Amino acid sequence: MAHATIIGHFQGKMWFTSKQNEGSEFFIELPLVNSEADEEFEK
């Protein structure tokens, strides 16, 4: 999913952490309920 879709449409969050020689972790957080996104999706 594109950053703009997760943040703008679903009101979610994205972030990452990185440690040298260990790699990176990527996180995506989405709300369980988002009435605005549901209404737009149904159109």
Protein backbone atom coordinates (compact mmCIF):
# COMPACT_ATOMS: atom_id res chain seq x y z
CA MET A 1 0.00 0.00 0.00
CA ALA A 2 1.18 3.48 -0.74
CA HIS A 3 2.01 5.85 2.09
CA ALA A 4 -0.65 8.33 0.95
CA THR A 5 -3.35 5.62 1.04
CA ILE A 6 -2.47 4.42 4.53
CA ILE A 7 -2.17 7.91 5.99
CA GLY A 8 -4.76 9.81 4.00
CA HIS A 9 -7.50 7.30 3.32
CA PHE A 10 -7.31 4.98 6.31
CA GLN A 11 -6.00 7.49 8.89
CA GLY A 12 -3.20 5.06 9.74
CA LYS A 13 0.45 5.41 10.69
CA MET A 14 3.71 4.14 9.19
CA TRP A 15 7.19 4.17 10.71
CA PHE A 16 10.37 2.16 10.81
CA THR A 17 13.34 1.50 13.03
CA SER A 18 16.80 0.52 11.88
CA LYS A 19 19.87 -0.87 13.61
CA GLN A 20 23.23 -0.99 11.93
CA ASN A 21 24.24 -4.55 10.97
CA GLU A 22 20.87 -5.87 12.20
CA GLY A 23 18.34 -4.61 9.64
CA SER A 24 15.15 -2.61 9.70
CA GLU A 25 11.64 -3.10 11.02
CA PHE A 26 8.67 -1.52 9.26
CA PHE A 27 5.40 -0.88 11.06
CA ILE A 28 1.93 -0.12 9.74
CA GLU A 29 -0.90 0.77 12.12
CA LEU A 30 -4.48 0.89 10.89
CA PRO A 31 -7.58 1.75 12.92
CA LEU A 32 -10.11 -1.04 13.40
CA VAL A 33 -12.98 1.32 12.62
CA ASN A 34 -12.87 4.42 10.47
CA SER A 35 -16.30 5.64 9.43
CA GLU A 36 -14.93 8.27 7.02
CA ALA A 37 -12.89 5.69 5.09
CA ASP A 38 -15.84 3.26 5.09
CA GLU A 39 -18.14 5.90 3.62
CA GLU A 40 -15.62 6.75 0.86
CA PHE A 41 -15.00 3.07 0.08
CA GLU A 42 -18.71 2.39 -0.37
CA LYS A 43 -19.07 5.10 -3.07
